[in-house]
Amino acid sequence: MNPENDKAAAPWMHESEGSVVLSVRVVPRAAKDAVQGIMGEALKIRLCAPPVEGKANEALVRFLAKALDIPPSRVELVAGATGRNKRVRVRGLPAKAVQGRLLP
């Protein structure tokens, strides 16, 4: 079994229409912004921002853009605006690069 193929088949992300869609579980009001790891079929991310008036969503987009070293305009929340389980589209990076930058 090739570990590189396993990386591309991570259950928390898939490539779609020239982009990568991530399944994310957000934990708001954390002590610091960080990727905590994999939780089931989602990437668990802790954010300092509270889940009020979209602040956690904005913080998630900024955090992912910084972690992936891409502009925030290439990170888009596509589902889950009012819940902790979210779907985020990342444009301009292949799945292997996304996984390598989020889970070094």
PDB file of N, CA and C in Angstrom:
ATOM      1  N   MET A   1       0.850  -1.184   0.000  1.00  0.00           N
ATOM      2  CA  MET A   1       0.000   0.000   0.000  1.00  0.00           C
ATOM      3  C   MET A   1       0.888   1.237   0.000  1.00  0.00           C
ATOM      4  N   ASN A   2       0.581   2.192  -0.824  1.00  0.00           N
ATOM      5  CA  ASN A   2       1.370   3.408  -0.950  1.00  0.00           C
ATOM      6  C   ASN A   2       0.803   4.495  -0.036  1.00  0.00           C
ATOM      7  N   PRO A   3       1.610   5.005   0.934  1.00  0.00           N
ATOM      8  CA  PRO A   3       1.100   6.031   1.835  1.00  0.00           C
ATOM      9  C   PRO A   3       0.679   7.312   1.122  1.00  0.00           C
ATOM     10  N   GLU A   4       1.283   7.624  -0.007  1.00  0.00           N
ATOM     11  CA  GLU A   4       0.894   8.825  -0.749  1.00  0.00           C
ATOM     12  C   GLU A   4      -0.548   8.701  -1.240  1.00  0.00           C
ATOM     13  N   ASN A   5      -0.943   7.500  -1.667  1.00  0.00           N
ATOM     14  CA  ASN A   5      -2.325   7.294  -2.100  1.00  0.00           C
ATOM     15  C   ASN A   5      -3.283   7.406  -0.928  1.00  0.00           C
ATOM     16  N   ASP A   6      -2.864   6.931   0.247  1.00  0.00           N
ATOM     17  CA  ASP A   6      -3.701   7.043   1.440  1.00  0.00           C
ATOM     18  C   ASP A   6      -3.930   8.505   1.794  1.00  0.00           C
ATOM     19  N   LYS A   7      -2.903   9.331   1.653  1.00  0.00           N
ATOM     20  CA  LYS A   7      -3.048  10.757   1.952  1.00  0.00           C
ATOM     21  C   LYS A   7      -4.106  11.390   1.066  1.00  0.00           C
ATOM     22  N   ALA A   8      -4.097  11.058  -0.209  1.00  0.00           N
ATOM     23  CA  ALA A   8      -5.044  11.655  -1.140  1.00  0.00           C
ATOM     24  C   ALA A   8      -6.474  11.187  -0.855  1.00  0.00           C
ATOM     25  N   ALA A   9      -6.614  10.032  -0.198  1.00  0.00           N
ATOM     26  CA  ALA A   9      -7.937   9.471   0.058  1.00  0.00           C
ATOM     27  C   ALA A   9      -8.414   9.765   1.480  1.00  0.00           C
ATOM     28  N   ALA A  10      -7.908  10.817   2.108  1.00  0.00           N
ATOM     29  CA  ALA A  10      -8.330  11.161   3.469  1.00  0.00           C
ATOM     30  C   ALA A  10      -9.843  11.366   3.489  1.00  0.00           C
ATOM     31  N   PRO A  11     -10.540  10.779   4.474  1.00  0.00           N
ATOM     32  CA  PRO A  11     -12.005  10.873   4.499  1.00  0.00           C
ATOM     33  C   PRO A  11     -12.537  12.282   4.763  1.00  0.00           C
ATOM     34  N   TRP A  12     -11.713  13.185   5.261  1.00  0.00           N
ATOM     35  CA  TRP A  12     -12.157  14.542   5.589  1.00  0.00           C
ATOM     36  C   TRP A  12     -11.963  15.534   4.449  1.00  0.00           C
ATOM     37  N   MET A  13     -11.505  15.052   3.297  1.00  0.00           N
ATOM     38  CA  MET A  13     -11.377  15.957   2.153  1.00  0.00           C
ATOM     39  C   MET A  13     -11.548  15.197   0.856  1.00  0.00           C
ATOM     40  N   HIS A  14     -12.018  15.902  -0.164  1.00  0.00           N
ATOM     41  CA  HIS A  14     -12.087  15.326  -1.498  1.00  0.00           C
ATOM     42  C   HIS A  14     -11.932  16.437  -2.536  1.00  0.00           C
ATOM     43  N   GLU A  15     -11.409  16.041  -3.686  1.00  0.00           N
ATOM     44  CA  GLU A  15     -11.231  17.004  -4.762  1.00  0.00           C
ATOM     45  C   GLU A  15     -12.520  17.080  -5.571  1.00  0.00           C
ATOM     46  N   SER A  16     -12.917  18.298  -5.912  1.00  0.00           N
ATOM     47  CA  SER A  16     -14.163  18.515  -6.633  1.00  0.00           C
ATOM     48  C   SER A  16     -14.051  19.781  -7.475  1.00  0.00           C
ATOM     49  N   GLU A  17     -14.280  19.661  -8.769  1.00  0.00           N
ATOM     50  CA  GLU A  17     -14.312  20.811  -9.673  1.00  0.00           C
ATOM     51  C   GLU A  17     -13.077  21.701  -9.554  1.00  0.00           C
ATOM     52  N   GLY A  18     -11.899  21.104  -9.538  1.00  0.00           N
ATOM     53  CA  GLY A  18     -10.662  21.874  -9.488  1.00  0.00           C
ATOM     54  C   GLY A  18     -10.336  22.474  -8.144  1.00  0.00           C
ATOM     55  N   SER A  19     -11.006  22.011  -7.108  1.00  0.00           N
ATOM     56  CA  SER A  19     -10.735  22.512  -5.762  1.00  0.00           C
ATOM     57  C   SER A  19     -10.781  21.344  -4.781  1.00  0.00           C
ATOM     58  N   VAL A  20     -10.491  21.635  -3.530  1.00  0.00           N
ATOM     59  CA  VAL A  20     -10.535  20.623  -2.476  1.00  0.00           C
ATOM     60  C   VAL A  20     -11.604  21.050  -1.481  1.00  0.00           C
ATOM     61  N   VAL A  21     -12.502  20.128  -1.136  1.00  0.00           N
ATOM     62  CA  VAL A  21     -13.548  20.410  -0.158  1.00  0.00           C
ATOM     63  C   VAL A  21     -13.192  19.679   1.135  1.00  0.00           C
ATOM     64  N   LEU A  22     -13.128  20.444   2.228  1.00  0.00           N
ATOM     65  CA  LEU A  22     -12.771  19.899   3.533  1.00  0.00           C
ATOM     66  C   LEU A  22     -14.007  19.769   4.412  1.00  0.00           C
ATOM     67  N   SER A  23     -14.086  18.674   5.153  1.00  0.00           N
ATOM     68  CA  SER A  23     -15.083  18.535   6.217  1.00  0.00           C
ATOM     69  C   SER A  23     -14.384  18.933   7.501  1.00  0.00           C
ATOM     70  N   VAL A  24     -14.915  19.939   8.183  1.00  0.00           N
ATOM     71  CA  VAL A  24     -14.252  20.506   9.357  1.00  0.00           C
ATOM     72  C   VAL A  24     -15.203  20.495  10.548  1.00  0.00           C
ATOM     73  N   ARG A  25     -14.687  20.134  11.702  1.00  0.00           N
ATOM     74  CA  ARG A  25     -15.415  20.256  12.975  1.00  0.00           C
ATOM     75  C   ARG A  25     -14.725  21.369  13.747  1.00  0.00           C
ATOM     76  N   VAL A  26     -15.447  22.462  14.013  1.00  0.00           N
ATOM     77  CA  VAL A  26     -14.875  23.634  14.674  1.00  0.00           C
ATOM     78  C   VAL A  26     -15.190  23.602  16.163  1.00  0.00           C
ATOM     79  N   VAL A  27     -14.175  23.910  16.966  1.00  0.00           N
ATOM     80  CA  VAL A  27     -14.344  24.082  18.409  1.00  0.00           C
ATOM     81  C   VAL A  27     -14.055  25.553  18.700  1.00  0.00           C
ATOM     82  N   PRO A  28     -15.104  26.358  18.921  1.00  0.00           N
ATOM     83  CA  PRO A  28     -14.891  27.785  19.185  1.00  0.00           C
ATOM     84  C   PRO A  28     -14.456  28.040  20.623  1.00  0.00           C
ATOM     85  N   ARG A  29     -14.021  29.266  20.871  1.00  0.00           N
ATOM     86  CA  ARG A  29     -13.588  29.721  22.201  1.00  0.00           C
ATOM     87  C   ARG A  29     -12.463  28.858  22.780  1.00  0.00           C
ATOM     88  N   ALA A  30     -11.549  28.442  21.934  1.00  0.00           N
ATOM     89  CA  ALA A  30     -10.387  27.672  22.379  1.00  0.00           C
ATOM     90  C   ALA A  30      -9.302  28.633  22.864  1.00  0.00           C
ATOM     91  N   ALA A  31      -8.295  28.095  23.527  1.00  0.00           N
ATOM     92  CA  ALA A  31      -7.195  28.916  24.025  1.00  0.00           C
ATOM     93  C   ALA A  31      -6.344  29.469  22.883  1.00  0.00           C
ATOM     94  N   LYS A  32      -6.232  28.697  21.782  1.00  0.00           N
ATOM     95  CA  LYS A  32      -5.461  29.162  20.627  1.00  0.00           C
ATOM     96  C   LYS A  32      -6.011  28.522  19.361  1.00  0.00           C
ATOM     97  N   ASP A  33      -5.737  29.153  18.236  1.00  0.00           N
ATOM     98  CA  ASP A  33      -6.143  28.606  16.945  1.00  0.00           C
ATOM     99  C   ASP A  33      -5.176  27.487  16.573  1.00  0.00           C
ATOM    100  N   ALA A  34      -5.715  26.303  16.259  1.00  0.00           N
ATOM    101  CA  ALA A  34      -4.851  25.177  15.910  1.00  0.00           C
ATOM    102  C   ALA A  34      -5.658  24.048  15.291  1.00  0.00           C
ATOM    103  N   VAL A  35      -4.984  23.263  14.446  1.00  0.00           N
ATOM    104  CA  VAL A  35      -5.561  22.012  13.964  1.00  0.00           C
ATOM    105  C   VAL A  35      -5.318  20.995  15.063  1.00  0.00           C
ATOM    106  N   GLN A  36      -6.381  20.380  15.554  1.00  0.00           N
ATOM    107  CA  GLN A  36      -6.237  19.408  16.631  1.00  0.00           C
ATOM    108  C   GLN A  36      -6.012  18.005  16.099  1.00  0.00           C
ATOM    109  N   GLY A  37      -6.460  17.723  14.889  1.00  0.00           N
ATOM    110  CA  GLY A  37      -6.281  16.400  14.310  1.00  0.00           C
ATOM    111  C   GLY A  37      -7.533  15.956  13.583  1.00  0.00           C
ATOM    112  N   ILE A  38      -7.674  14.647  13.449  1.00  0.00           N
ATOM    113  CA  ILE A  38      -8.810  14.072  12.751  1.00  0.00           C
ATOM    114  C   ILE A  38      -9.817  13.569  13.783  1.00  0.00           C
ATOM    115  N   MET A  39     -11.088  13.882  13.560  1.00  0.00           N
ATOM    116  CA  MET A  39     -12.157  13.397  14.427  1.00  0.00           C
ATOM    117  C   MET A  39     -13.193  12.739  13.524  1.00  0.00           C
ATOM    118  N   GLY A  40     -13.202  11.426  13.488  1.00  0.00           N
ATOM    119  CA  GLY A  40     -14.107  10.717  12.578  1.00  0.00           C
ATOM    120  C   GLY A  40     -13.752  11.031  11.143  1.00  0.00           C
ATOM    121  N   GLU A  41     -14.691  11.605  10.426  1.00  0.00           N
ATOM    122  CA  GLU A  41     -14.448  11.967   9.028  1.00  0.00           C
ATOM    123  C   GLU A  41     -14.330  13.475   8.856  1.00  0.00           C
ATOM    124  N   ALA A  42     -13.834  14.148   9.896  1.00  0.00           N
ATOM    125  CA  ALA A  42     -13.674  15.607   9.831  1.00  0.00           C
ATOM    126  C   ALA A  42     -12.324  16.015  10.408  1.00  0.00           C
ATOM    127  N   LEU A  43     -11.828  17.131   9.932  1.00  0.00           N
ATOM    128  CA  LEU A  43     -10.627  17.746  10.470  1.00  0.00           C
ATOM    129  C   LEU A  43     -11.068  18.632  11.630  1.00  0.00           C
ATOM    130  N   LYS A  44     -10.530  18.402  12.816  1.00  0.00           N
ATOM    131  CA  LYS A  44     -10.934  19.172  13.993  1.00  0.00           C
ATOM    132  C   LYS A  44     -10.019  20.380  14.139  1.00  0.00           C
ATOM    133  N   ILE A  45     -10.641  21.571  14.161  1.00  0.00           N
ATOM    134  CA  ILE A  45      -9.895  22.824  14.272  1.00  0.00           C
ATOM    135  C   ILE A  45     -10.425  23.610  15.456  1.00  0.00           C
ATOM    136  N   ARG A  46      -9.513  24.036  16.314  1.00  0.00           N
ATOM    137  CA  ARG A  46      -9.860  24.854  17.478  1.00  0.00           C
ATOM    138  C   ARG A  46      -9.620  26.318  17.120  1.00  0.00           C
ATOM    139  N   LEU A  47     -10.581  27.179  17.467  1.00  0.00           N
ATOM    140  CA  LEU A  47     -10.480  28.608  17.172  1.00  0.00           C
ATOM    141  C   LEU A  47     -10.758  29.425  18.427  1.00  0.00           C
ATOM    142  N   CYS A  48     -10.043  30.517  18.594  1.00  0.00           N
ATOM    143  CA  CYS A  48     -10.267  31.425  19.733  1.00  0.00           C
ATOM    144  C   CYS A  48     -11.598  32.157  19.612  1.00  0.00           C
ATOM    145  N   ALA A  49     -12.029  32.411  18.410  1.00  0.00           N
ATOM    146  CA  ALA A  49     -13.228  33.228  18.171  1.00  0.00           C
ATOM    147  C   ALA A  49     -14.489  32.571  18.726  1.00  0.00           C
ATOM    148  N   PRO A  50     -15.424  33.392  19.195  1.00  0.00           N
ATOM    149  CA  PRO A  50     -16.703  32.858  19.672  1.00  0.00           C
ATOM    150  C   PRO A  50     -17.643  32.579  18.492  1.00  0.00           C
ATOM    151  N   PRO A  51     -18.604  31.682  18.692  1.00  0.00           N
ATOM    152  CA  PRO A  51     -19.557  31.380  17.616  1.00  0.00           C
ATOM    153  C   PRO A  51     -20.702  32.389  17.579  1.00  0.00           C
ATOM    154  N   VAL A  52     -20.360  33.654  17.451  1.00  0.00           N
ATOM    155  CA  VAL A  52     -21.345  34.734  17.497  1.00  0.00           C
ATOM    156  C   VAL A  52     -21.203  35.601  16.250  1.00  0.00           C
ATOM    157  N   GLU A  53     -22.312  35.854  15.572  1.00  0.00           N
ATOM    158  CA  GLU A  53     -22.345  36.756  14.417  1.00  0.00           C
ATOM    159  C   GLU A  53     -21.300  36.423  13.348  1.00  0.00           C
ATOM    160  N   GLY A  54     -21.043  35.143  13.137  1.00  0.00           N
ATOM    161  CA  GLY A  54     -20.127  34.720  12.086  1.00  0.00           C
ATOM    162  C   GLY A  54     -18.654  34.894  12.396  1.00  0.00           C
ATOM    163  N   LYS A  55     -18.315  35.257  13.635  1.00  0.00           N
ATOM    164  CA  LYS A  55     -16.902  35.490  13.968  1.00  0.00           C
ATOM    165  C   LYS A  55     -16.072  34.218  13.852  1.00  0.00           C
ATOM    166  N   ALA A  56     -16.620  33.081  14.272  1.00  0.00           N
ATOM    167  CA  ALA A  56     -15.877  31.823  14.160  1.00  0.00           C
ATOM    168  C   ALA A  56     -15.696  31.437  12.691  1.00  0.00           C
ATOM    169  N   ASN A  57     -16.690  31.698  11.858  1.00  0.00           N
ATOM    170  CA  ASN A  57     -16.566  31.404  10.428  1.00  0.00           C
ATOM    171  C   ASN A  57     -15.473  32.255   9.789  1.00  0.00           C
ATOM    172  N   GLU A  58     -15.453  33.537  10.117  1.00  0.00           N
ATOM    173  CA  GLU A  58     -14.411  34.427   9.594  1.00  0.00           C
ATOM    174  C   GLU A  58     -13.038  33.985  10.081  1.00  0.00           C
ATOM    175  N   ALA A  59     -12.950  33.603  11.346  1.00  0.00           N
ATOM    176  CA  ALA A  59     -11.678  33.145  11.905  1.00  0.00           C
ATOM    177  C   ALA A  59     -11.226  31.856  11.229  1.00  0.00           C
ATOM    178  N   LEU A  60     -12.167  30.971  10.915  1.00  0.00           N
ATOM    179  CA  LEU A  60     -11.831  29.717  10.233  1.00  0.00           C
ATOM    180  C   LEU A  60     -11.238  29.996   8.859  1.00  0.00           C
ATOM    181  N   VAL A  61     -11.855  30.870   8.097  1.00  0.00           N
ATOM    182  CA  VAL A  61     -11.349  31.207   6.761  1.00  0.00           C
ATOM    183  C   VAL A  61      -9.952  31.818   6.865  1.00  0.00           C
ATOM    184  N   ARG A  62      -9.764  32.756   7.782  1.00  0.00           N
ATOM    185  CA  ARG A  62      -8.439  33.386   7.961  1.00  0.00           C
ATOM    186  C   ARG A  62      -7.403  32.353   8.403  1.00  0.00           C
ATOM    187  N   PHE A  63      -7.774  31.478   9.350  1.00  0.00           N
ATOM    188  CA  PHE A  63      -6.849  30.467   9.859  1.00  0.00           C
ATOM    189  C   PHE A  63      -6.417  29.513   8.746  1.00  0.00           C
ATOM    190  N   LEU A  64      -7.383  29.009   7.979  1.00  0.00           N
ATOM    191  CA  LEU A  64      -7.043  28.077   6.903  1.00  0.00           C
ATOM    192  C   LEU A  64      -6.196  28.754   5.833  1.00  0.00           C
ATOM    193  N   ALA A  65      -6.520  29.990   5.479  1.00  0.00           N
ATOM    194  CA  ALA A  65      -5.732  30.712   4.476  1.00  0.00           C
ATOM    195  C   ALA A  65      -4.285  30.865   4.938  1.00  0.00           C
ATOM    196  N   LYS A  66      -4.104  31.224   6.199  1.00  0.00           N
ATOM    197  CA  LYS A  66      -2.748  31.391   6.728  1.00  0.00           C
ATOM    198  C   LYS A  66      -2.017  30.052   6.782  1.00  0.00           C
ATOM    199  N   ALA A  67      -2.686  29.006   7.263  1.00  0.00           N
ATOM    200  CA  ALA A  67      -2.061  27.684   7.372  1.00  0.00           C
ATOM    201  C   ALA A  67      -1.691  27.123   6.001  1.00  0.00           C
ATOM    202  N   LEU A  68      -2.507  27.418   4.997  1.00  0.00           N
ATOM    203  CA  LEU A  68      -2.266  26.909   3.646  1.00  0.00           C
ATOM    204  C   LEU A  68      -1.413  27.852   2.806  1.00  0.00           C
ATOM    205  N   ASP A  69      -1.109  29.032   3.342  1.00  0.00           N
ATOM    206  CA  ASP A  69      -0.305  30.041   2.661  1.00  0.00           C
ATOM    207  C   ASP A  69      -0.938  30.457   1.327  1.00  0.00           C
ATOM    208  N   ILE A  70      -2.238  30.765   1.403  1.00  0.00           N
ATOM    209  CA  ILE A  70      -2.979  31.240   0.237  1.00  0.00           C
ATOM    210  C   ILE A  70      -3.822  32.446   0.660  1.00  0.00           C
ATOM    211  N   PRO A  71      -4.288  33.254  -0.290  1.00  0.00           N
ATOM    212  CA  PRO A  71      -5.146  34.386   0.074  1.00  0.00           C
ATOM    213  C   PRO A  71      -6.500  33.895   0.606  1.00  0.00           C
ATOM    214  N   PRO A  72      -7.092  34.616   1.546  1.00  0.00           N
ATOM    215  CA  PRO A  72      -8.405  34.229   2.074  1.00  0.00           C
ATOM    216  C   PRO A  72      -9.490  34.143   0.997  1.00  0.00           C
ATOM    217  N   SER A  73      -9.308  34.833  -0.102  1.00  0.00           N
ATOM    218  CA  SER A  73     -10.302  34.790  -1.182  1.00  0.00           C
ATOM    219  C   SER A  73     -10.386  33.404  -1.825  1.00  0.00           C
ATOM    220  N   ARG A  74      -9.398  32.547  -1.599  1.00  0.00           N
ATOM    221  CA  ARG A  74      -9.405  31.191  -2.158  1.00  0.00           C
ATOM    222  C   ARG A  74      -9.945  30.160  -1.173  1.00  0.00           C
ATOM    223  N   VAL A  75     -10.435  30.622  -0.023  1.00  0.00           N
ATOM    224  CA  VAL A  75     -11.046  29.747   0.984  1.00  0.00           C
ATOM    225  C   VAL A  75     -12.496  30.192   1.144  1.00  0.00           C
ATOM    226  N   GLU A  76     -13.431  29.251   0.971  1.00  0.00           N
ATOM    227  CA  GLU A  76     -14.852  29.607   0.989  1.00  0.00           C
ATOM    228  C   GLU A  76     -15.642  28.625   1.846  1.00  0.00           C
ATOM    229  N   LEU A  77     -16.412  29.143   2.766  1.00  0.00           N
ATOM    230  CA  LEU A  77     -17.321  28.324   3.563  1.00  0.00           C
ATOM    231  C   LEU A  77     -18.521  27.994   2.686  1.00  0.00           C
ATOM    232  N   VAL A  78     -18.747  26.696   2.422  1.00  0.00           N
ATOM    233  CA  VAL A  78     -19.842  26.319   1.520  1.00  0.00           C
ATOM    234  C   VAL A  78     -21.022  25.683   2.247  1.00  0.00           C
ATOM    235  N   ALA A  79     -20.828  25.251   3.483  1.00  0.00           N
ATOM    236  CA  ALA A  79     -21.936  24.674   4.257  1.00  0.00           C
ATOM    237  C   ALA A  79     -21.591  24.726   5.734  1.00  0.00           C
ATOM    238  N   GLY A  80     -22.624  24.834   6.563  1.00  0.00           N
ATOM    239  CA  GLY A  80     -22.427  24.782   8.003  1.00  0.00           C
ATOM    240  C   GLY A  80     -22.209  26.119   8.668  1.00  0.00           C
ATOM    241  N   ALA A  81     -22.718  27.180   8.098  1.00  0.00           N
ATOM    242  CA  ALA A  81     -22.486  28.524   8.639  1.00  0.00           C
ATOM    243  C   ALA A  81     -22.974  28.676  10.075  1.00  0.00           C
ATOM    244  N   THR A  82     -23.995  27.917  10.467  1.00  0.00           N
ATOM    245  CA  THR A  82     -24.542  28.079  11.817  1.00  0.00           C
ATOM    246  C   THR A  82     -24.271  26.887  12.729  1.00  0.00           C
ATOM    247  N   GLY A  83     -23.462  25.943  12.282  1.00  0.00           N
ATOM    248  CA  GLY A  83     -23.155  24.774  13.108  1.00  0.00           C
ATOM    249  C   GLY A  83     -21.665  24.587  13.264  1.00  0.00           C
ATOM    250  N   ARG A  84     -21.293  23.589  14.026  1.00  0.00           N
ATOM    251  CA  ARG A  84     -19.863  23.313  14.218  1.00  0.00           C
ATOM    252  C   ARG A  84     -19.281  22.457  13.103  1.00  0.00           C
ATOM    253  N   ASN A  85     -20.122  21.679  12.430  1.00  0.00           N
ATOM    254  CA  ASN A  85     -19.668  20.877  11.293  1.00  0.00           C
ATOM    255  C   ASN A  85     -19.797  21.720  10.035  1.00  0.00           C
ATOM    256  N   LYS A  86     -18.683  21.893   9.342  1.00  0.00           N
ATOM    257  CA  LYS A  86     -18.642  22.803   8.194  1.00  0.00           C
ATOM    258  C   LYS A  86     -18.006  22.126   6.990  1.00  0.00           C
ATOM    259  N   ARG A  87     -18.299  22.657   5.823  1.00  0.00           N
ATOM    260  CA  ARG A  87     -17.647  22.248   4.580  1.00  0.00           C
ATOM    261  C   ARG A  87     -16.984  23.500   4.026  1.00  0.00           C
ATOM    262  N   VAL A  88     -15.706  23.368   3.716  1.00  0.00           N
ATOM    263  CA  VAL A  88     -14.918  24.505   3.247  1.00  0.00           C
ATOM    264  C   VAL A  88     -14.254  24.135   1.927  1.00  0.00           C
ATOM    265  N   ARG A  89     -14.393  25.011   0.937  1.00  0.00           N
ATOM    266  CA  ARG A  89     -13.757  24.799  -0.369  1.00  0.00           C
ATOM    267  C   ARG A  89     -12.462  25.600  -0.426  1.00  0.00           C
ATOM    268  N   VAL A  90     -11.391  24.928  -0.857  1.00  0.00           N
ATOM    269  CA  VAL A  90     -10.075  25.555  -1.031  1.00  0.00           C
ATOM    270  C   VAL A  90      -9.729  25.463  -2.512  1.00  0.00           C
ATOM    271  N   ARG A  91      -9.502  26.600  -3.136  1.00  0.00           N
ATOM    272  CA  ARG A  91      -9.171  26.633  -4.558  1.00  0.00           C
ATOM    273  C   ARG A  91      -7.672  26.872  -4.750  1.00  0.00           C
ATOM    274  N   GLY A  92      -7.123  26.194  -5.757  1.00  0.00           N
ATOM    275  CA  GLY A  92      -5.752  26.475  -6.153  1.00  0.00           C
ATOM    276  C   GLY A  92      -4.680  25.601  -5.542  1.00  0.00           C
ATOM    277  N   LEU A  93      -5.066  24.595  -4.756  1.00  0.00           N
ATOM    278  CA  LEU A  93      -4.095  23.666  -4.187  1.00  0.00           C
ATOM    279  C   LEU A  93      -4.587  22.239  -4.388  1.00  0.00           C
ATOM    280  N   PRO A  94      -3.681  21.304  -4.708  1.00  0.00           N
ATOM    281  CA  PRO A  94      -4.093  19.903  -4.781  1.00  0.00           C
ATOM    282  C   PRO A  94      -4.299  19.328  -3.374  1.00  0.00           C
ATOM    283  N   ALA A  95      -5.031  18.235  -3.289  1.00  0.00           N
ATOM    284  CA  ALA A  95      -5.353  17.615  -2.002  1.00  0.00           C
ATOM    285  C   ALA A  95      -4.101  17.266  -1.199  1.00  0.00           C
ATOM    286  N   LYS A  96      -3.072  16.763  -1.859  1.00  0.00           N
ATOM    287  CA  LYS A  96      -1.842  16.391  -1.144  1.00  0.00           C
ATOM    288  C   LYS A  96      -1.206  17.600  -0.476  1.00  0.00           C
ATOM    289  N   ALA A  97      -1.212  18.736  -1.153  1.00  0.00           N
ATOM    290  CA  ALA A  97      -0.631  19.958  -0.580  1.00  0.00           C
ATOM    291  C   ALA A  97      -1.454  20.438   0.606  1.00  0.00           C
ATOM    292  N   VAL A  98      -2.776  20.375   0.487  1.00  0.00           N
ATOM    293  CA  VAL A  98      -3.645  20.792   1.590  1.00  0.00           C
ATOM    294  C   VAL A  98      -3.372  19.934   2.815  1.00  0.00           C
ATOM    295  N   GLN A  99      -3.357  18.627   2.629  1.00  0.00           N
ATOM    296  CA  GLN A  99      -3.122  17.736   3.765  1.00  0.00           C
ATOM    297  C   GLN A  99      -1.732  17.939   4.349  1.00  0.00           C
ATOM    298  N   GLY A 100      -0.735  18.094   3.504  1.00  0.00           N
ATOM    299  CA  GLY A 100       0.629  18.292   3.983  1.00  0.00           C
ATOM    300  C   GLY A 100       0.806  19.568   4.790  1.00  0.00           C
ATOM    301  N   ARG A 101       0.078  20.611   4.432  1.00  0.00           N
ATOM    302  CA  ARG A 101       0.199  21.883   5.156  1.00  0.00           C
ATOM    303  C   ARG A 101      -0.629  21.910   6.436  1.00  0.00           C
ATOM    304  N   LEU A 102      -1.752  21.191   6.457  1.00  0.00           N
ATOM    305  CA  LEU A 102      -2.592  21.190   7.653  1.00  0.00           C
ATOM    306  C   LEU A 102      -2.165  20.140   8.673  1.00  0.00           C
ATOM    307  N   LEU A 103      -1.630  19.024   8.195  1.00  0.00           N
ATOM    308  CA  LEU A 103      -1.181  17.949   9.082  1.00  0.00           C
ATOM    309  C   LEU A 103       0.264  17.597   8.755  1.00  0.00           C
ATOM    310  N   PRO A 104       1.208  18.463   9.131  1.00  0.00           N
ATOM    311  CA  PRO A 104       2.618  18.220   8.762  1.00  0.00           C
ATOM    312  C   PRO A 104       3.195  16.991   9.441  1.00  0.00           C
TER     313      PRO A 104
END
